[in-house]
Amino acid sequence: MVYLSEKTIKGRKYLYLMKSIRLPDGRVVSLQKKIEKKESLKKLEQKYAKLFFQKEKEAHANFALKHFKINSIFNEDEIRIIEHMKVEYNYLLKNFSKEQYKDVFDRFVANFTYESNAIEGSSLTLKDVSIIMFENRSIEGKDLREIWETKNSREVMEKILKGKIKITEKDIIKIHKMLMQNIDKRIGYKKFPNEILGFSVKLASPENVKKEMNSIIKWVEQNKLNMHPLQLCSLFHGKFERIHPFADGNGRVGRFIAAAMLVNKGYPPLIIRKTQRDSYIKSLEDFHRGYTGNLERFFLKKYKNTFRNFFSSYLKYVV
């Protein structure tokens, strides 16, 4: 919301168009533009909409640069790009009509589900996923497990987009339970050792899972104020996949947690495509050997690509 404010500086009166915005720490700050002549508020708002939009993006970028640690991957330039995309994403959410929101996020959820399940070997096409999700029909000749994976994924993503999934032990187990509905009765933490075929890193043993899960959740709480949310998300993902706490569905649960971590902080969720599976697995293996940078770069790239592919094209219609 914008408003006019008159200021007296060295005895002279000046008129400013003002806009208040809220920063991630809850503080409200005012953006301003000096006005040469008084016009209707509506006309001024339209005239300077793009200027204030840019000022808001810079305000969020400056906040992030002040509060989060900078490194060679999450450097100043990249953080500005990430934060600008965040502001653009939230601007879209505020300006979409109910129908527009549904169209955009139906497309996103179908693609997220298709790609995430395909990484795990699902044979469903994107068209199959759309039919199951939005027409509530089964696909003849397809495995029932794949159909339920798709149905369940939609329910989980709907909760994530509404901000109903937090990074707690309870909610992580809840995600797993929802994803495994009508698929696998082994709910809760694994009772037997597991492994990832072709993955050389040893996973957490069943007796250590609860302790290690509590440890990485605590780690998030300790780092959430000084580490950029996208970096925090990428490193948590690596730690989670190293634990592999469930008997089945760990990869999909981990990618949904990543989406929740971003959405809860106002950032657009990211998609990891099946064509990037080899790079994804390699970055996870590198992470477990102590080279965290490749996973951070991978998540950064997927974040930017997802925003450009699914959201940015709508900006010119609402700004």
C-alpha atoms as a PDB file:
ATOM      1  CA  MET A   1       0.000   0.000   0.000  1.00  0.00           C
ATOM      2  CA  VAL A   2       1.366   3.425  -0.905  1.00  0.00           C
ATOM      3  CA  TYR A   3       0.712   6.798   0.666  1.00  0.00           C
ATOM      4  CA  LEU A   4       1.890  10.428   0.446  1.00  0.00           C
ATOM      5  CA  SER A   5       4.085  12.073   3.050  1.00  0.00           C
ATOM      6  CA  GLU A   6       5.206  15.694   3.310  1.00  0.00           C
ATOM      7  CA  LYS A   7       8.648  16.385   4.761  1.00  0.00           C
ATOM      8  CA  THR A   8      10.279  19.689   5.700  1.00  0.00           C
ATOM      9  CA  ILE A   9      14.021  19.840   5.007  1.00  0.00           C
ATOM     10  CA  LYS A  10      15.947  23.044   5.786  1.00  0.00           C
ATOM     11  CA  GLY A  11      12.717  24.995   5.774  1.00  0.00           C
ATOM     12  CA  ARG A  12      11.502  23.675   2.447  1.00  0.00           C
ATOM     13  CA  LYS A  13       8.591  21.268   2.020  1.00  0.00           C
ATOM     14  CA  TYR A  14       8.923  18.171  -0.155  1.00  0.00           C
ATOM     15  CA  LEU A  15       6.322  15.575  -1.127  1.00  0.00           C
ATOM     16  CA  TYR A  16       7.188  11.883  -1.116  1.00  0.00           C
ATOM     17  CA  LEU A  17       5.355   8.800  -2.307  1.00  0.00           C
ATOM     18  CA  MET A  18       5.895   6.117   0.347  1.00  0.00           C
ATOM     19  CA  LYS A  19       5.456   2.360   0.439  1.00  0.00           C
ATOM     20  CA  SER A  20       5.853   0.160   3.528  1.00  0.00           C
ATOM     21  CA  ILE A  21       7.236  -3.371   3.206  1.00  0.00           C
ATOM     22  CA  ARG A  22       7.973  -6.091   5.746  1.00  0.00           C
ATOM     23  CA  LEU A  23      11.434  -7.674   5.894  1.00  0.00           C
ATOM     24  CA  PRO A  24      12.043 -11.333   6.870  1.00  0.00           C
ATOM     25  CA  ASP A  25      12.793 -10.430  10.503  1.00  0.00           C
ATOM     26  CA  GLY A  26       9.378  -8.765  10.843  1.00  0.00           C
ATOM     27  CA  ARG A  27      10.586  -5.184  10.656  1.00  0.00           C
ATOM     28  CA  VAL A  28       8.558  -2.758   8.552  1.00  0.00           C
ATOM     29  CA  VAL A  29      10.586  -0.319   6.454  1.00  0.00           C
ATOM     30  CA  SER A  30       9.450   2.491   4.170  1.00  0.00           C
ATOM     31  CA  LEU A  31      10.520   2.972   0.579  1.00  0.00           C
ATOM     32  CA  GLN A  32      10.207   6.447  -0.866  1.00  0.00           C
ATOM     33  CA  LYS A  33      10.196   8.490  -4.055  1.00  0.00           C
ATOM     34  CA  LYS A  34      10.249  12.310  -4.135  1.00  0.00           C
ATOM     35  CA  ILE A  35       7.317  13.682  -6.134  1.00  0.00           C
ATOM     36  CA  GLU A  36       7.620  16.876  -8.146  1.00  0.00           C
ATOM     37  CA  LYS A  37       3.907  17.518  -8.468  1.00  0.00           C
ATOM     38  CA  LYS A  38       0.882  16.187  -6.671  1.00  0.00           C
ATOM     39  CA  GLU A  39      -1.320  13.748  -8.591  1.00  0.00           C
ATOM     40  CA  SER A  40      -3.972  11.224  -7.594  1.00  0.00           C
ATOM     41  CA  LEU A  41      -2.604   8.449  -5.404  1.00  0.00           C
ATOM     42  CA  LYS A  42      -3.814   5.792  -7.828  1.00  0.00           C
ATOM     43  CA  LYS A  43      -2.041   7.465 -10.745  1.00  0.00           C
ATOM     44  CA  LEU A  44       1.180   7.856  -8.742  1.00  0.00           C
ATOM     45  CA  GLU A  45       1.028   4.226  -7.647  1.00  0.00           C
ATOM     46  CA  GLN A  46       0.737   3.051 -11.256  1.00  0.00           C
ATOM     47  CA  LYS A  47       3.418   5.473 -12.453  1.00  0.00           C
ATOM     48  CA  TYR A  48       6.028   4.291  -9.935  1.00  0.00           C
ATOM     49  CA  ALA A  49       5.007   0.655  -9.518  1.00  0.00           C
ATOM     50  CA  LYS A  50       8.099  -0.729 -11.268  1.00  0.00           C
ATOM     51  CA  LEU A  51      10.389   1.614  -9.345  1.00  0.00           C
ATOM     52  CA  PHE A  52       9.020   0.456  -5.994  1.00  0.00           C
ATOM     53  CA  PHE A  53       9.154  -3.143  -7.156  1.00  0.00           C
ATOM     54  CA  GLN A  54      12.875  -2.749  -7.845  1.00  0.00           C
ATOM     55  CA  LYS A  55      13.408  -0.966  -4.512  1.00  0.00           C
ATOM     56  CA  GLU A  56      11.674  -3.825  -2.705  1.00  0.00           C
ATOM     57  CA  LYS A  57      13.916  -6.382  -4.408  1.00  0.00           C
ATOM     58  CA  GLU A  58      17.002  -4.417  -3.395  1.00  0.00           C
ATOM     59  CA  ALA A  59      15.764  -4.075   0.195  1.00  0.00           C
ATOM     60  CA  HIS A  60      15.419  -7.865   0.503  1.00  0.00           C
ATOM     61  CA  ALA A  61      18.788  -8.444  -1.156  1.00  0.00           C
ATOM     62  CA  ASN A  62      20.480  -5.999   1.228  1.00  0.00           C
ATOM     63  CA  PHE A  63      18.792  -7.684   4.195  1.00  0.00           C
ATOM     64  CA  ALA A  64      20.096 -11.095   3.091  1.00  0.00           C
ATOM     65  CA  LEU A  65      23.614  -9.778   2.479  1.00  0.00           C
ATOM     66  CA  LYS A  66      23.659  -8.239   5.946  1.00  0.00           C
ATOM     67  CA  HIS A  67      22.310 -11.263   7.837  1.00  0.00           C
ATOM     68  CA  PHE A  68      23.618 -14.350   6.016  1.00  0.00           C
ATOM     69  CA  LYS A  69      27.162 -15.624   5.610  1.00  0.00           C
ATOM     70  CA  ILE A  70      28.700 -15.146   2.179  1.00  0.00           C
ATOM     71  CA  ASN A  71      30.885 -17.768   0.511  1.00  0.00           C
ATOM     72  CA  SER A  72      32.257 -18.487  -2.956  1.00  0.00           C
ATOM     73  CA  ILE A  73      28.981 -20.143  -4.043  1.00  0.00           C
ATOM     74  CA  PHE A  74      26.429 -18.028  -2.213  1.00  0.00           C
ATOM     75  CA  ASN A  75      28.276 -14.842  -3.049  1.00  0.00           C
ATOM     76  CA  GLU A  76      26.902 -11.322  -3.250  1.00  0.00           C
ATOM     77  CA  ASP A  77      25.815 -11.552  -6.888  1.00  0.00           C
ATOM     78  CA  GLU A  78      24.060 -14.900  -6.456  1.00  0.00           C
ATOM     79  CA  ILE A  79      22.278 -13.805  -3.289  1.00  0.00           C
ATOM     80  CA  ARG A  80      20.955 -10.733  -5.082  1.00  0.00           C
ATOM     81  CA  ILE A  81      19.587 -12.974  -7.850  1.00  0.00           C
ATOM     82  CA  ILE A  82      18.018 -15.368  -5.321  1.00  0.00           C
ATOM     83  CA  GLU A  83      16.391 -12.547  -3.360  1.00  0.00           C
ATOM     84  CA  HIS A  84      15.103 -10.771  -6.459  1.00  0.00           C
ATOM     85  CA  MET A  85      13.457 -14.025  -7.541  1.00  0.00           C
ATOM     86  CA  LYS A  86      11.942 -14.408  -4.076  1.00  0.00           C
ATOM     87  CA  VAL A  87      10.323 -10.959  -4.240  1.00  0.00           C
ATOM     88  CA  GLU A  88       9.101 -11.608  -7.791  1.00  0.00           C
ATOM     89  CA  TYR A  89       7.636 -14.963  -6.721  1.00  0.00           C
ATOM     90  CA  ASN A  90       5.748 -13.416  -3.807  1.00  0.00           C
ATOM     91  CA  TYR A  91       4.520 -10.589  -6.016  1.00  0.00           C
ATOM     92  CA  LEU A  92       3.043 -13.198  -8.347  1.00  0.00           C
ATOM     93  CA  LEU A  93       1.343 -14.994  -5.450  1.00  0.00           C
ATOM     94  CA  LYS A  94      -0.276 -11.747  -4.308  1.00  0.00           C
ATOM     95  CA  ASN A  95      -1.472 -10.802  -7.781  1.00  0.00           C
ATOM     96  CA  PHE A  96      -2.639 -14.130  -9.200  1.00  0.00           C
ATOM     97  CA  SER A  97      -6.372 -14.612  -9.314  1.00  0.00           C
ATOM     98  CA  LYS A  98      -7.668 -17.838  -7.769  1.00  0.00           C
ATOM     99  CA  GLU A  99      -7.929 -19.377 -11.250  1.00  0.00           C
ATOM    100  CA  GLN A 100      -4.450 -18.219 -12.290  1.00  0.00           C
ATOM    101  CA  TYR A 101      -2.929 -19.609  -9.098  1.00  0.00           C
ATOM    102  CA  LYS A 102      -4.574 -22.982  -9.707  1.00  0.00           C
ATOM    103  CA  ASP A 103      -3.389 -23.149 -13.334  1.00  0.00           C
ATOM    104  CA  VAL A 104       0.215 -22.245 -12.503  1.00  0.00           C
ATOM    105  CA  PHE A 105       0.553 -24.537  -9.509  1.00  0.00           C
ATOM    106  CA  ASP A 106      -1.255 -27.461 -11.118  1.00  0.00           C
ATOM    107  CA  ARG A 107       1.425 -27.293 -13.791  1.00  0.00           C
ATOM    108  CA  PHE A 108       4.180 -26.981 -11.208  1.00  0.00           C
ATOM    109  CA  VAL A 109       2.934 -29.820  -8.968  1.00  0.00           C
ATOM    110  CA  ALA A 110       2.505 -32.174 -11.942  1.00  0.00           C
ATOM    111  CA  ASN A 111       6.054 -31.467 -13.110  1.00  0.00           C
ATOM    112  CA  PHE A 112       7.524 -31.732  -9.596  1.00  0.00           C
ATOM    113  CA  THR A 113       5.804 -35.084  -9.049  1.00  0.00           C
ATOM    114  CA  TYR A 114       6.686 -36.451 -12.474  1.00  0.00           C
ATOM    115  CA  GLU A 115      10.376 -35.544 -12.151  1.00  0.00           C
ATOM    116  CA  SER A 116      10.765 -36.626  -8.515  1.00  0.00           C
ATOM    117  CA  ASN A 117       9.125 -40.002  -9.086  1.00  0.00           C
ATOM    118  CA  ALA A 118      10.986 -40.526 -12.364  1.00  0.00           C
ATOM    119  CA  ILE A 119      14.292 -40.117 -10.516  1.00  0.00           C
ATOM    120  CA  GLU A 120      13.228 -43.165  -8.494  1.00  0.00           C
ATOM    121  CA  GLY A 121      12.347 -45.147 -11.638  1.00  0.00           C
ATOM    122  CA  SER A 122       8.653 -44.433 -12.200  1.00  0.00           C
ATOM    123  CA  SER A 123       7.507 -45.235 -15.746  1.00  0.00           C
ATOM    124  CA  LEU A 124       4.658 -42.669 -15.775  1.00  0.00           C
ATOM    125  CA  THR A 125       4.838 -39.885 -18.341  1.00  0.00           C
ATOM    126  CA  LEU A 126       4.017 -36.271 -17.507  1.00  0.00           C
ATOM    127  CA  LYS A 127       0.687 -36.769 -19.290  1.00  0.00           C
ATOM    128  CA  ASP A 128      -0.007 -39.849 -17.145  1.00  0.00           C
ATOM    129  CA  VAL A 129       0.715 -37.861 -13.991  1.00  0.00           C
ATOM    130  CA  SER A 130      -1.646 -35.074 -15.082  1.00  0.00           C
ATOM    131  CA  ILE A 131      -4.464 -37.530 -15.828  1.00  0.00           C
ATOM    132  CA  ILE A 132      -4.086 -39.219 -12.427  1.00  0.00           C
ATOM    133  CA  MET A 133      -3.833 -35.922 -10.544  1.00  0.00           C
ATOM    134  CA  PHE A 134      -6.426 -33.756 -12.210  1.00  0.00           C
ATOM    135  CA  GLU A 135      -8.851 -36.196 -13.816  1.00  0.00           C
ATOM    136  CA  ASN A 136      -8.671 -38.735 -10.980  1.00  0.00           C
ATOM    137  CA  ARG A 137      -8.297 -41.594 -13.454  1.00  0.00           C
ATOM    138  CA  SER A 138      -5.965 -44.578 -13.417  1.00  0.00           C
ATOM    139  CA  ILE A 139      -3.745 -45.465 -16.356  1.00  0.00           C
ATOM    140  CA  GLU A 140      -4.321 -48.902 -17.809  1.00  0.00           C
ATOM    141  CA  GLY A 141      -1.306 -51.185 -17.595  1.00  0.00           C
ATOM    142  CA  LYS A 142       0.543 -49.041 -15.050  1.00  0.00           C
ATOM    143  CA  ASP A 143       1.713 -50.265 -11.649  1.00  0.00           C
ATOM    144  CA  LEU A 144      -0.666 -49.347  -8.820  1.00  0.00           C
ATOM    145  CA  ARG A 145       2.312 -48.227  -6.767  1.00  0.00           C
ATOM    146  CA  GLU A 146       3.170 -45.575  -9.358  1.00  0.00           C
ATOM    147  CA  ILE A 147      -0.421 -44.371  -9.414  1.00  0.00           C
ATOM    148  CA  TRP A 148      -0.542 -44.056  -5.622  1.00  0.00           C
ATOM    149  CA  GLU A 149       2.845 -42.310  -5.597  1.00  0.00           C
ATOM    150  CA  THR A 150       1.308 -39.672  -7.838  1.00  0.00           C
ATOM    151  CA  LYS A 151      -1.915 -39.287  -5.860  1.00  0.00           C
ATOM    152  CA  ASN A 152      -0.049 -39.096  -2.566  1.00  0.00           C
ATOM    153  CA  SER A 153       2.467 -36.596  -3.888  1.00  0.00           C
ATOM    154  CA  ARG A 154      -0.251 -34.126  -4.789  1.00  0.00           C
ATOM    155  CA  GLU A 155      -1.658 -34.224  -1.248  1.00  0.00           C
ATOM    156  CA  VAL A 156       1.769 -33.606   0.277  1.00  0.00           C
ATOM    157  CA  MET A 157       2.583 -30.704  -2.046  1.00  0.00           C
ATOM    158  CA  GLU A 158      -0.777 -29.075  -1.351  1.00  0.00           C
ATOM    159  CA  LYS A 159       0.056 -29.053   2.360  1.00  0.00           C
ATOM    160  CA  ILE A 160       3.524 -27.668   1.670  1.00  0.00           C
ATOM    161  CA  LEU A 161       2.212 -24.818  -0.481  1.00  0.00           C
ATOM    162  CA  LYS A 162      -0.222 -23.905   2.304  1.00  0.00           C
ATOM    163  CA  GLY A 163       2.663 -23.760   4.800  1.00  0.00           C
ATOM    164  CA  LYS A 164       1.372 -26.709   6.829  1.00  0.00           C
ATOM    165  CA  ILE A 165       4.613 -28.716   6.843  1.00  0.00           C
ATOM    166  CA  LYS A 166       7.361 -27.669   9.258  1.00  0.00           C
ATOM    167  CA  ILE A 167      10.894 -29.022   9.637  1.00  0.00           C
ATOM    168  CA  THR A 168      10.190 -31.111  12.697  1.00  0.00           C
ATOM    169  CA  GLU A 169      10.585 -34.817  13.349  1.00  0.00           C
ATOM    170  CA  LYS A 170       6.798 -35.158  13.556  1.00  0.00           C
ATOM    171  CA  ASP A 171       6.143 -33.489  10.209  1.00  0.00           C
ATOM    172  CA  ILE A 172       8.945 -35.333   8.409  1.00  0.00           C
ATOM    173  CA  ILE A 173       7.447 -38.647   9.547  1.00  0.00           C
ATOM    174  CA  LYS A 174       4.044 -37.296   8.499  1.00  0.00           C
ATOM    175  CA  ILE A 175       5.325 -36.605   4.966  1.00  0.00           C
ATOM    176  CA  HIS A 176       6.627 -40.166   4.759  1.00  0.00           C
ATOM    177  CA  LYS A 177       3.354 -41.616   6.013  1.00  0.00           C
ATOM    178  CA  MET A 178       1.360 -39.616   3.456  1.00  0.00           C
ATOM    179  CA  LEU A 179       3.659 -40.636   0.590  1.00  0.00           C
ATOM    180  CA  MET A 180       3.524 -44.318   1.569  1.00  0.00           C
ATOM    181  CA  GLN A 181      -0.278 -44.482   1.880  1.00  0.00           C
ATOM    182  CA  ASN A 182      -1.559 -47.613   0.051  1.00  0.00           C
ATOM    183  CA  ILE A 183       2.037 -48.422  -0.977  1.00  0.00           C
ATOM    184  CA  ASP A 184       4.073 -49.621   1.999  1.00  0.00           C
ATOM    185  CA  LYS A 185       3.119 -50.369   5.613  1.00  0.00           C
ATOM    186  CA  ARG A 186       6.635 -49.744   6.896  1.00  0.00           C
ATOM    187  CA  ILE A 187       5.871 -46.331   8.374  1.00  0.00           C
ATOM    188  CA  GLY A 188       8.267 -44.590  10.722  1.00  0.00           C
ATOM    189  CA  TYR A 189      12.000 -44.994  10.963  1.00  0.00           C
ATOM    190  CA  LYS A 190      13.670 -48.017   9.398  1.00  0.00           C
ATOM    191  CA  LYS A 191      14.036 -51.200  11.430  1.00  0.00           C
ATOM    192  CA  PHE A 192      16.692 -52.791   9.203  1.00  0.00           C
ATOM    193  CA  PRO A 193      19.807 -51.386   7.480  1.00  0.00           C
ATOM    194  CA  ASN A 194      19.310 -50.061   3.955  1.00  0.00           C
ATOM    195  CA  GLU A 195      21.470 -48.892   1.098  1.00  0.00           C
ATOM    196  CA  ILE A 196      21.277 -47.053  -2.212  1.00  0.00           C
ATOM    197  CA  LEU A 197      22.260 -49.207  -5.176  1.00  0.00           C
ATOM    198  CA  GLY A 198      25.338 -47.776  -6.837  1.00  0.00           C
ATOM    199  CA  PHE A 199      25.899 -45.448  -3.884  1.00  0.00           C
ATOM    200  CA  SER A 200      29.198 -46.063  -2.131  1.00  0.00           C
ATOM    201  CA  VAL A 201      28.475 -44.168   1.103  1.00  0.00           C
ATOM    202  CA  LYS A 202      27.386 -46.079   4.215  1.00  0.00           C
ATOM    203  CA  LEU A 203      24.009 -44.932   5.527  1.00  0.00           C
ATOM    204  CA  ALA A 204      22.951 -44.471   9.153  1.00  0.00           C
ATOM    205  CA  SER A 205      22.192 -47.660  11.079  1.00  0.00           C
ATOM    206  CA  PRO A 206      18.610 -48.126  12.385  1.00  0.00           C
ATOM    207  CA  GLU A 207      19.631 -47.704  16.006  1.00  0.00           C
ATOM    208  CA  ASN A 208      21.173 -44.292  15.272  1.00  0.00           C
ATOM    209  CA  VAL A 209      18.435 -42.821  13.075  1.00  0.00           C
ATOM    210  CA  LYS A 210      16.411 -41.013  15.737  1.00  0.00           C
ATOM    211  CA  LYS A 211      19.503 -39.465  17.305  1.00  0.00           C
ATOM    212  CA  GLU A 212      20.855 -38.325  13.920  1.00  0.00           C
ATOM    213  CA  MET A 213      17.495 -36.943  12.790  1.00  0.00           C
ATOM    214  CA  ASN A 214      17.167 -34.927  15.978  1.00  0.00           C
ATOM    215  CA  SER A 215      20.722 -33.716  15.439  1.00  0.00           C
ATOM    216  CA  ILE A 216      20.126 -32.347  11.923  1.00  0.00           C
ATOM    217  CA  ILE A 217      16.818 -30.745  12.925  1.00  0.00           C
ATOM    218  CA  LYS A 218      18.663 -29.027  15.780  1.00  0.00           C
ATOM    219  CA  TRP A 219      21.362 -28.017  13.288  1.00  0.00           C
ATOM    220  CA  VAL A 220      18.721 -26.207  11.203  1.00  0.00           C
ATOM    221  CA  GLU A 221      17.556 -24.254  14.259  1.00  0.00           C
ATOM    222  CA  GLN A 222      21.130 -23.282  15.099  1.00  0.00           C
ATOM    223  CA  ASN A 223      21.924 -22.051  11.581  1.00  0.00           C
ATOM    224  CA  LYS A 224      18.664 -20.587  10.273  1.00  0.00           C
ATOM    225  CA  LEU A 225      19.508 -17.014  11.285  1.00  0.00           C
ATOM    226  CA  ASN A 226      22.995 -16.812   9.777  1.00  0.00           C
ATOM    227  CA  MET A 227      22.862 -19.148   6.762  1.00  0.00           C
ATOM    228  CA  HIS A 228      20.943 -18.338   3.598  1.00  0.00           C
ATOM    229  CA  PRO A 229      17.756 -20.473   3.442  1.00  0.00           C
ATOM    230  CA  LEU A 230      18.704 -21.979   0.063  1.00  0.00           C
ATOM    231  CA  GLN A 231      22.144 -22.979   1.330  1.00  0.00           C
ATOM    232  CA  LEU A 232      20.579 -24.333   4.529  1.00  0.00           C
ATOM    233  CA  CYS A 233      18.113 -26.316   2.415  1.00  0.00           C
ATOM    234  CA  SER A 234      20.849 -27.870   0.251  1.00  0.00           C
ATOM    235  CA  LEU A 235      23.011 -28.888   3.216  1.00  0.00           C
ATOM    236  CA  PHE A 236      20.050 -30.301   5.145  1.00  0.00           C
ATOM    237  CA  HIS A 237      19.129 -32.346   2.084  1.00  0.00           C
ATOM    238  CA  GLY A 238      22.596 -33.859   1.989  1.00  0.00           C
ATOM    239  CA  LYS A 239      22.486 -34.675   5.702  1.00  0.00           C
ATOM    240  CA  PHE A 240      19.004 -36.191   5.415  1.00  0.00           C
ATOM    241  CA  GLU A 241      19.918 -38.427   2.479  1.00  0.00           C
ATOM    242  CA  ARG A 242      23.024 -39.562   4.350  1.00  0.00           C
ATOM    243  CA  ILE A 243      20.784 -40.781   7.192  1.00  0.00           C
ATOM    244  CA  HIS A 244      18.175 -42.321   4.856  1.00  0.00           C
ATOM    245  CA  PRO A 245      15.852 -42.752   7.855  1.00  0.00           C
ATOM    246  CA  PHE A 246      13.024 -44.717   6.229  1.00  0.00           C
ATOM    247  CA  ALA A 247      12.762 -48.174   4.719  1.00  0.00           C
ATOM    248  CA  ASP A 248      11.546 -46.678   1.434  1.00  0.00           C
ATOM    249  CA  GLY A 249      10.791 -43.277  -0.111  1.00  0.00           C
ATOM    250  CA  ASN A 250      13.781 -41.361   1.271  1.00  0.00           C
ATOM    251  CA  GLY A 251      14.643 -39.556  -1.946  1.00  0.00           C
ATOM    252  CA  ARG A 252      11.100 -38.327  -2.481  1.00  0.00           C
ATOM    253  CA  VAL A 253      10.680 -37.350   1.175  1.00  0.00           C
ATOM    254  CA  GLY A 254      13.960 -35.432   1.008  1.00  0.00           C
ATOM    255  CA  ARG A 255      12.872 -33.465  -2.068  1.00  0.00           C
ATOM    256  CA  PHE A 256       9.533 -32.596  -0.467  1.00  0.00           C
ATOM    257  CA  ILE A 257      11.349 -31.396   2.663  1.00  0.00           C
ATOM    258  CA  ALA A 258      13.515 -29.172   0.446  1.00  0.00           C
ATOM    259  CA  ALA A 259      10.350 -27.690  -1.075  1.00  0.00           C
ATOM    260  CA  ALA A 260       8.877 -27.073   2.381  1.00  0.00           C
ATOM    261  CA  MET A 261      12.050 -25.397   3.669  1.00  0.00           C
ATOM    262  CA  LEU A 262      11.988 -22.917   0.788  1.00  0.00           C
ATOM    263  CA  VAL A 263       8.242 -22.244   0.749  1.00  0.00           C
ATOM    264  CA  ASN A 264       8.164 -21.669   4.521  1.00  0.00           C
ATOM    265  CA  LYS A 265      10.700 -18.856   4.083  1.00  0.00           C
ATOM    266  CA  GLY A 266       8.883 -17.289   1.136  1.00  0.00           C
ATOM    267  CA  TYR A 267      11.077 -18.737  -1.627  1.00  0.00           C
ATOM    268  CA  PRO A 268       9.808 -20.637  -4.686  1.00  0.00           C
ATOM    269  CA  PRO A 269      10.307 -24.418  -4.489  1.00  0.00           C
ATOM    270  CA  LEU A 270      12.736 -26.114  -6.855  1.00  0.00           C
ATOM    271  CA  ILE A 271      12.499 -29.120  -9.149  1.00  0.00           C
ATOM    272  CA  ILE A 272      15.263 -31.674  -9.743  1.00  0.00           C
ATOM    273  CA  ARG A 273      14.746 -33.248 -13.149  1.00  0.00           C
ATOM    274  CA  LYS A 274      15.223 -36.927 -13.968  1.00  0.00           C
ATOM    275  CA  THR A 275      17.714 -35.932 -16.693  1.00  0.00           C
ATOM    276  CA  GLN A 276      19.898 -34.512 -13.911  1.00  0.00           C
ATOM    277  CA  ARG A 277      19.830 -37.693 -11.831  1.00  0.00           C
ATOM    278  CA  ASP A 278      23.488 -38.561 -12.405  1.00  0.00           C
ATOM    279  CA  SER A 279      24.660 -35.059 -11.438  1.00  0.00           C
ATOM    280  CA  TYR A 280      22.325 -35.141  -8.439  1.00  0.00           C
ATOM    281  CA  ILE A 281      23.636 -38.484  -7.162  1.00  0.00           C
ATOM    282  CA  LYS A 282      27.239 -37.408  -7.801  1.00  0.00           C
ATOM    283  CA  SER A 283      26.749 -34.200  -5.801  1.00  0.00           C
ATOM    284  CA  LEU A 284      25.281 -36.238  -2.921  1.00  0.00           C
ATOM    285  CA  GLU A 285      28.222 -38.638  -2.996  1.00  0.00           C
ATOM    286  CA  ASP A 286      30.635 -35.700  -2.992  1.00  0.00           C
ATOM    287  CA  PHE A 287      28.738 -34.202  -0.055  1.00  0.00           C
ATOM    288  CA  HIS A 288      29.147 -37.372   1.975  1.00  0.00           C
ATOM    289  CA  ARG A 289      32.883 -37.339   1.257  1.00  0.00           C
ATOM    290  CA  GLY A 290      33.112 -33.853   2.690  1.00  0.00           C
ATOM    291  CA  TYR A 291      32.827 -31.775  -0.510  1.00  0.00           C
ATOM    292  CA  THR A 292      29.616 -29.854   0.140  1.00  0.00           C
ATOM    293  CA  GLY A 293      30.102 -27.247  -2.587  1.00  0.00           C
ATOM    294  CA  ASN A 294      28.825 -29.378  -5.467  1.00  0.00           C
ATOM    295  CA  LEU A 295      25.463 -29.964  -3.761  1.00  0.00           C
ATOM    296  CA  GLU A 296      25.172 -26.266  -2.929  1.00  0.00           C
ATOM    297  CA  ARG A 297      25.888 -25.353  -6.572  1.00  0.00           C
ATOM    298  CA  PHE A 298      23.418 -27.978  -7.765  1.00  0.00           C
ATOM    299  CA  PHE A 299      20.600 -26.601  -5.596  1.00  0.00           C
ATOM    300  CA  LEU A 300      21.419 -23.017  -6.561  1.00  0.00           C
ATOM    301  CA  LYS A 301      21.230 -23.887 -10.251  1.00  0.00           C
ATOM    302  CA  LYS A 302      17.957 -25.830  -9.852  1.00  0.00           C
ATOM    303  CA  TYR A 303      16.419 -22.958  -7.872  1.00  0.00           C
ATOM    304  CA  LYS A 304      17.159 -20.445 -10.624  1.00  0.00           C
ATOM    305  CA  ASN A 305      16.141 -22.797 -13.434  1.00  0.00           C
ATOM    306  CA  THR A 306      12.841 -23.704 -11.762  1.00  0.00           C
ATOM    307  CA  PHE A 307      11.904 -20.074 -11.204  1.00  0.00           C
ATOM    308  CA  ARG A 308      12.716 -19.150 -14.802  1.00  0.00           C
ATOM    309  CA  ASN A 309      10.881 -22.158 -16.239  1.00  0.00           C
ATOM    310  CA  PHE A 310       7.726 -22.011 -14.121  1.00  0.00           C
ATOM    311  CA  PHE A 311       7.194 -18.528 -12.725  1.00  0.00           C
ATOM    312  CA  SER A 312       9.142 -15.657 -14.280  1.00  0.00           C
ATOM    313  CA  SER A 313       7.245 -15.644 -17.594  1.00  0.00           C
ATOM    314  CA  TYR A 314       4.103 -14.464 -15.765  1.00  0.00           C
ATOM    315  CA  LEU A 315       5.740 -11.333 -14.319  1.00  0.00           C
ATOM    316  CA  LYS A 316       5.158  -9.122 -17.355  1.00  0.00           C
ATOM    317  CA  TYR A 317       1.425  -9.725 -17.039  1.00  0.00           C
ATOM    318  CA  VAL A 318       1.112  -8.589 -13.409  1.00  0.00           C
ATOM    319  CA  VAL A 319       3.834  -5.970 -12.812  1.00  0.00           C
END
